[in-house]
Amino acid sequence: MDEQTLDIFSAARARRDVGRIREAVAEVKAGDIARVLVRSPRYGLYAIEGAVRIGVGGQPLVGDVILATSAEIQRIDLGISAPEPALSADVVDPSTLPHGTPVRVTFVTPTAATFAVTGPITAGNDRFLLVGSWIVADDRAIAPRVVSIERLDDVDLHEVNVPPLRSVLVDADA
């Protein structure tokens, strides 16, 4: 990820670029490589990069983010390089990633292929560490779809881009 994009994580909230989002959605095609910047009250500010695929109902999506329907999308960049795992990065012990640590995690799934999520690690009073809505670790075990975890020590996350600790959804029977 380029330095200009990483700087977004250090800044306070910026305005959504609605015009740019509409233009990107109008021109995007399956197979294009895109970066989607998402602001979520639950997961904070994060970027997901990968190939665009067409989901159920004909909607374009990157990873699990539907491009045309999410009010949480802040920006869409097209024509970026395909994400690659940081294979040269040190192996990261998940227990050394406290809530709010900036990371770039590369995942591989059968449906979404290879994609990367950059943002703060989020934790809650459960055993999961997430970046965006994707599980990075379950207890101290790295999740099976994770290819690499890169700690971004040079990124100074602005406090508004890190959400509070996640609350756990409780079963109605509990």
C-alpha atoms as a PDB file:
ATOM      1  CA  MET A   1       0.000   0.000   0.000  1.00  0.00           C
ATOM      2  CA  ASP A   2       1.364   3.426  -0.909  1.00  0.00           C
ATOM      3  CA  GLU A   3       2.360   6.056   1.657  1.00  0.00           C
ATOM      4  CA  GLN A   4      -0.418   8.461   0.642  1.00  0.00           C
ATOM      5  CA  THR A   5      -3.066   5.843   1.397  1.00  0.00           C
ATOM      6  CA  LEU A   6      -1.397   4.882   4.687  1.00  0.00           C
ATOM      7  CA  ASP A   7      -1.496   8.558   5.707  1.00  0.00           C
ATOM      8  CA  ILE A   8      -5.310   8.361   5.706  1.00  0.00           C
ATOM      9  CA  PHE A   9      -5.119   6.207   8.847  1.00  0.00           C
ATOM     10  CA  SER A  10      -3.154   8.917  10.684  1.00  0.00           C
ATOM     11  CA  ALA A  11      -5.608  11.703   9.859  1.00  0.00           C
ATOM     12  CA  ALA A  12      -8.894  12.584  11.479  1.00  0.00           C
ATOM     13  CA  ARG A  13     -12.103  11.915   9.552  1.00  0.00           C
ATOM     14  CA  ALA A  14     -12.286  13.116   5.993  1.00  0.00           C
ATOM     15  CA  ARG A  15     -15.406  13.678   3.906  1.00  0.00           C
ATOM     16  CA  ARG A  16     -16.729  10.797   1.839  1.00  0.00           C
ATOM     17  CA  ASP A  17     -15.943  11.306  -1.808  1.00  0.00           C
ATOM     18  CA  VAL A  18     -19.430  10.406  -3.071  1.00  0.00           C
ATOM     19  CA  GLY A  19     -18.740  11.531  -6.644  1.00  0.00           C
ATOM     20  CA  ARG A  20     -15.604   9.406  -6.882  1.00  0.00           C
ATOM     21  CA  ILE A  21     -17.455   6.427  -5.372  1.00  0.00           C
ATOM     22  CA  ARG A  22     -20.262   6.717  -7.956  1.00  0.00           C
ATOM     23  CA  GLU A  23     -17.764   7.003 -10.818  1.00  0.00           C
ATOM     24  CA  ALA A  24     -15.860   3.950  -9.630  1.00  0.00           C
ATOM     25  CA  VAL A  25     -19.035   1.877  -9.241  1.00  0.00           C
ATOM     26  CA  ALA A  26     -20.153   2.892 -12.751  1.00  0.00           C
ATOM     27  CA  GLU A  27     -16.893   1.844 -14.415  1.00  0.00           C
ATOM     28  CA  VAL A  28     -15.747  -1.131 -12.353  1.00  0.00           C
ATOM     29  CA  LYS A  29     -15.714  -4.596 -13.955  1.00  0.00           C
ATOM     30  CA  ALA A  30     -15.189  -8.097 -12.635  1.00  0.00           C
ATOM     31  CA  GLY A  31     -11.476  -8.794 -12.399  1.00  0.00           C
ATOM     32  CA  ASP A  32     -10.444  -5.163 -11.838  1.00  0.00           C
ATOM     33  CA  ILE A  33      -8.197  -4.630  -8.832  1.00  0.00           C
ATOM     34  CA  ALA A  34      -9.647  -2.122  -6.371  1.00  0.00           C
ATOM     35  CA  ARG A  35      -9.021  -0.643  -2.938  1.00  0.00           C
ATOM     36  CA  VAL A  36     -12.108   0.187  -0.873  1.00  0.00           C
ATOM     37  CA  LEU A  37     -11.755   2.421   2.170  1.00  0.00           C
ATOM     38  CA  VAL A  38     -14.447   1.642   4.753  1.00  0.00           C
ATOM     39  CA  ARG A  39     -15.364   3.394   8.014  1.00  0.00           C
ATOM     40  CA  SER A  40     -17.291   1.176  10.398  1.00  0.00           C
ATOM     41  CA  PRO A  41     -18.406   1.893  13.962  1.00  0.00           C
ATOM     42  CA  ARG A  42     -17.572  -1.723  14.845  1.00  0.00           C
ATOM     43  CA  TYR A  43     -14.274  -2.221  12.927  1.00  0.00           C
ATOM     44  CA  GLY A  44     -12.890   1.312  12.569  1.00  0.00           C
ATOM     45  CA  LEU A  45     -11.305   2.645   9.388  1.00  0.00           C
ATOM     46  CA  TYR A  46      -9.924  -0.087   7.142  1.00  0.00           C
ATOM     47  CA  ALA A  47      -8.985  -0.663   3.520  1.00  0.00           C
ATOM     48  CA  ILE A  48      -9.681  -3.854   1.597  1.00  0.00           C
ATOM     49  CA  GLU A  49      -7.784  -4.505  -1.644  1.00  0.00           C
ATOM     50  CA  GLY A  50      -8.403  -7.228  -4.162  1.00  0.00           C
ATOM     51  CA  ALA A  51     -10.068  -8.340  -7.354  1.00  0.00           C
ATOM     52  CA  VAL A  52     -13.606  -7.196  -7.994  1.00  0.00           C
ATOM     53  CA  ARG A  53     -16.059 -10.030  -8.387  1.00  0.00           C
ATOM     54  CA  ILE A  54     -19.752  -9.997  -9.125  1.00  0.00           C
ATOM     55  CA  GLY A  55     -21.893 -11.297  -6.290  1.00  0.00           C
ATOM     56  CA  VAL A  56     -25.453 -12.462  -5.987  1.00  0.00           C
ATOM     57  CA  GLY A  57     -27.781  -9.953  -7.609  1.00  0.00           C
ATOM     58  CA  GLY A  58     -25.066  -8.661  -9.935  1.00  0.00           C
ATOM     59  CA  GLN A  59     -23.469  -6.356  -7.364  1.00  0.00           C
ATOM     60  CA  PRO A  60     -19.682  -5.782  -7.587  1.00  0.00           C
ATOM     61  CA  LEU A  61     -17.762  -6.563  -4.421  1.00  0.00           C
ATOM     62  CA  VAL A  62     -14.220  -6.714  -3.059  1.00  0.00           C
ATOM     63  CA  GLY A  63     -13.724  -9.261  -0.290  1.00  0.00           C
ATOM     64  CA  ASP A  64     -17.004  -8.952   1.612  1.00  0.00           C
ATOM     65  CA  VAL A  65     -17.734  -5.292   0.784  1.00  0.00           C
ATOM     66  CA  ILE A  66     -20.524  -4.657  -1.733  1.00  0.00           C
ATOM     67  CA  LEU A  67     -19.427  -1.557  -3.632  1.00  0.00           C
ATOM     68  CA  ALA A  68     -22.788  -0.168  -4.660  1.00  0.00           C
ATOM     69  CA  THR A  69     -24.720  -0.386  -1.404  1.00  0.00           C
ATOM     70  CA  SER A  70     -22.527   0.419   1.558  1.00  0.00           C
ATOM     71  CA  ALA A  71     -22.928   3.803   3.247  1.00  0.00           C
ATOM     72  CA  GLU A  72     -19.726   3.006   5.151  1.00  0.00           C
ATOM     73  CA  ILE A  73     -17.549   3.230   2.008  1.00  0.00           C
ATOM     74  CA  GLN A  74     -15.370   6.339   2.103  1.00  0.00           C
ATOM     75  CA  ARG A  75     -13.475   5.917  -1.167  1.00  0.00           C
ATOM     76  CA  ILE A  76     -12.867   3.461  -4.004  1.00  0.00           C
ATOM     77  CA  ASP A  77      -9.574   3.397  -5.930  1.00  0.00           C
ATOM     78  CA  LEU A  78      -9.359   1.425  -9.174  1.00  0.00           C
ATOM     79  CA  GLY A  79      -6.301   0.339 -11.144  1.00  0.00           C
ATOM     80  CA  ILE A  80      -4.064  -0.475  -8.196  1.00  0.00           C
ATOM     81  CA  SER A  81      -1.609  -3.381  -8.058  1.00  0.00           C
ATOM     82  CA  ALA A  82      -2.912  -6.764  -6.973  1.00  0.00           C
ATOM     83  CA  PRO A  83      -2.270  -7.419  -3.280  1.00  0.00           C
ATOM     84  CA  GLU A  84       0.525  -9.827  -2.497  1.00  0.00           C
ATOM     85  CA  PRO A  85       1.313 -11.506   0.807  1.00  0.00           C
ATOM     86  CA  ALA A  86       4.144  -9.941   2.798  1.00  0.00           C
ATOM     87  CA  LEU A  87       6.108 -13.180   2.769  1.00  0.00           C
ATOM     88  CA  SER A  88       9.251 -11.395   3.924  1.00  0.00           C
ATOM     89  CA  ALA A  89       7.481  -9.998   6.995  1.00  0.00           C
ATOM     90  CA  ASP A  90       8.289 -11.502  10.361  1.00  0.00           C
ATOM     91  CA  VAL A  91       5.898 -14.142  11.615  1.00  0.00           C
ATOM     92  CA  VAL A  92       3.629 -12.315  14.052  1.00  0.00           C
ATOM     93  CA  ASP A  93       2.440 -13.947  17.253  1.00  0.00           C
ATOM     94  CA  PRO A  94      -1.231 -12.902  17.529  1.00  0.00           C
ATOM     95  CA  SER A  95      -0.856 -12.403  21.279  1.00  0.00           C
ATOM     96  CA  THR A  96       1.441  -9.428  20.491  1.00  0.00           C
ATOM     97  CA  LEU A  97      -1.320  -7.596  18.599  1.00  0.00           C
ATOM     98  CA  PRO A  98      -3.328  -5.545  21.101  1.00  0.00           C
ATOM     99  CA  HIS A  99      -6.508  -3.720  20.133  1.00  0.00           C
ATOM    100  CA  GLY A 100      -5.703  -0.808  17.821  1.00  0.00           C
ATOM    101  CA  THR A 101      -2.434  -2.160  16.391  1.00  0.00           C
ATOM    102  CA  PRO A 102      -2.184  -1.165  12.702  1.00  0.00           C
ATOM    103  CA  VAL A 103      -1.711  -4.201  10.448  1.00  0.00           C
ATOM    104  CA  ARG A 104      -1.973  -5.360   6.847  1.00  0.00           C
ATOM    105  CA  VAL A 105      -3.266  -8.919   6.638  1.00  0.00           C
ATOM    106  CA  THR A 106      -3.396 -10.920   3.421  1.00  0.00           C
ATOM    107  CA  PHE A 107      -6.072 -13.585   3.090  1.00  0.00           C
ATOM    108  CA  VAL A 108      -6.799 -16.286   0.518  1.00  0.00           C
ATOM    109  CA  THR A 109     -10.296 -17.732   0.166  1.00  0.00           C
ATOM    110  CA  PRO A 110     -11.851 -19.960  -2.496  1.00  0.00           C
ATOM    111  CA  THR A 111     -14.414 -17.315  -3.464  1.00  0.00           C
ATOM    112  CA  ALA A 112     -12.566 -14.014  -3.019  1.00  0.00           C
ATOM    113  CA  ALA A 113      -9.095 -15.285  -4.018  1.00  0.00           C
ATOM    114  CA  THR A 114      -6.217 -13.201  -2.582  1.00  0.00           C
ATOM    115  CA  PHE A 115      -7.067  -9.903  -0.892  1.00  0.00           C
ATOM    116  CA  ALA A 116      -5.540  -7.703   1.793  1.00  0.00           C
ATOM    117  CA  VAL A 117      -7.115  -5.768   4.653  1.00  0.00           C
ATOM    118  CA  THR A 118      -5.271  -2.847   6.263  1.00  0.00           C
ATOM    119  CA  GLY A 119      -6.452  -1.230   9.470  1.00  0.00           C
ATOM    120  CA  PRO A 120      -6.504  -1.559  13.248  1.00  0.00           C
ATOM    121  CA  ILE A 121      -6.689  -4.924  14.958  1.00  0.00           C
ATOM    122  CA  THR A 122      -9.935  -5.034  16.890  1.00  0.00           C
ATOM    123  CA  ALA A 123     -10.517  -7.103  19.982  1.00  0.00           C
ATOM    124  CA  GLY A 124     -13.412  -7.633  22.312  1.00  0.00           C
ATOM    125  CA  ASN A 125     -14.297  -9.735  25.310  1.00  0.00           C
ATOM    126  CA  ASP A 126     -14.121 -12.814  23.110  1.00  0.00           C
ATOM    127  CA  ARG A 127     -11.187 -14.823  21.769  1.00  0.00           C
ATOM    128  CA  PHE A 128     -11.069 -13.279  18.266  1.00  0.00           C
ATOM    129  CA  LEU A 129      -8.783 -10.656  16.748  1.00  0.00           C
ATOM    130  CA  LEU A 130     -10.118  -9.039  13.584  1.00  0.00           C
ATOM    131  CA  VAL A 131      -9.045  -6.554  10.938  1.00  0.00           C
ATOM    132  CA  GLY A 132     -12.109  -5.189   9.232  1.00  0.00           C
ATOM    133  CA  SER A 133     -14.680  -7.953   9.519  1.00  0.00           C
ATOM    134  CA  TRP A 134     -12.106 -10.702   8.898  1.00  0.00           C
ATOM    135  CA  ILE A 135     -10.795 -13.012  11.622  1.00  0.00           C
ATOM    136  CA  VAL A 136      -7.019 -12.781  12.015  1.00  0.00           C
ATOM    137  CA  ALA A 137      -6.707 -15.059  15.026  1.00  0.00           C
ATOM    138  CA  ASP A 138      -8.875 -17.332  17.135  1.00  0.00           C
ATOM    139  CA  ASP A 139      -7.442 -17.345  20.626  1.00  0.00           C
ATOM    140  CA  ARG A 140      -3.709 -17.484  19.814  1.00  0.00           C
ATOM    141  CA  ALA A 141      -4.002 -19.448  16.579  1.00  0.00           C
ATOM    142  CA  ILE A 142      -3.711 -17.628  13.261  1.00  0.00           C
ATOM    143  CA  ALA A 143      -6.911 -18.059  11.240  1.00  0.00           C
ATOM    144  CA  PRO A 144      -6.725 -20.625   8.409  1.00  0.00           C
ATOM    145  CA  ARG A 145      -7.307 -18.109   5.558  1.00  0.00           C
ATOM    146  CA  VAL A 146      -4.501 -15.781   6.709  1.00  0.00           C
ATOM    147  CA  VAL A 147      -1.405 -15.868   4.492  1.00  0.00           C
ATOM    148  CA  SER A 148       0.558 -13.045   6.108  1.00  0.00           C
ATOM    149  CA  ILE A 149       0.285 -10.493   8.901  1.00  0.00           C
ATOM    150  CA  GLU A 150       2.361  -7.346   8.583  1.00  0.00           C
ATOM    151  CA  ARG A 151       2.576  -5.043  11.603  1.00  0.00           C
ATOM    152  CA  LEU A 152       2.607  -1.419  10.386  1.00  0.00           C
ATOM    153  CA  ASP A 153       4.768   0.155  13.057  1.00  0.00           C
ATOM    154  CA  ASP A 154       5.267   3.338  10.989  1.00  0.00           C
ATOM    155  CA  VAL A 155       1.524   4.091  10.903  1.00  0.00           C
ATOM    156  CA  ASP A 156       0.288   6.303  13.728  1.00  0.00           C
ATOM    157  CA  LEU A 157      -3.442   5.526  13.808  1.00  0.00           C
ATOM    158  CA  HIS A 158      -5.581   8.522  14.688  1.00  0.00           C
ATOM    159  CA  GLU A 159      -7.844   7.724  17.643  1.00  0.00           C
ATOM    160  CA  VAL A 160     -11.040   8.324  15.622  1.00  0.00           C
ATOM    161  CA  ASN A 161      -9.982   5.508  13.260  1.00  0.00           C
ATOM    162  CA  VAL A 162      -9.811   2.913  16.044  1.00  0.00           C
ATOM    163  CA  PRO A 163     -13.177   1.672  17.316  1.00  0.00           C
ATOM    164  CA  PRO A 164     -13.914   0.845  20.950  1.00  0.00           C
ATOM    165  CA  LEU A 165     -13.497  -2.765  22.039  1.00  0.00           C
ATOM    166  CA  ARG A 166     -16.046  -4.923  20.225  1.00  0.00           C
ATOM    167  CA  SER A 167     -19.021  -6.069  22.219  1.00  0.00           C
ATOM    168  CA  VAL A 168     -20.044  -9.693  21.935  1.00  0.00           C
ATOM    169  CA  LEU A 169     -23.442 -10.562  20.554  1.00  0.00           C
ATOM    170  CA  VAL A 170     -25.228 -12.714  23.089  1.00  0.00           C
ATOM    171  CA  ASP A 171     -27.581 -15.578  22.243  1.00  0.00           C
ATOM    172  CA  ALA A 172     -31.179 -14.956  23.243  1.00  0.00           C
ATOM    173  CA  ASP A 173     -31.116 -18.240  25.200  1.00  0.00           C
ATOM    174  CA  ALA A 174     -28.155 -17.169  27.332  1.00  0.00           C
END
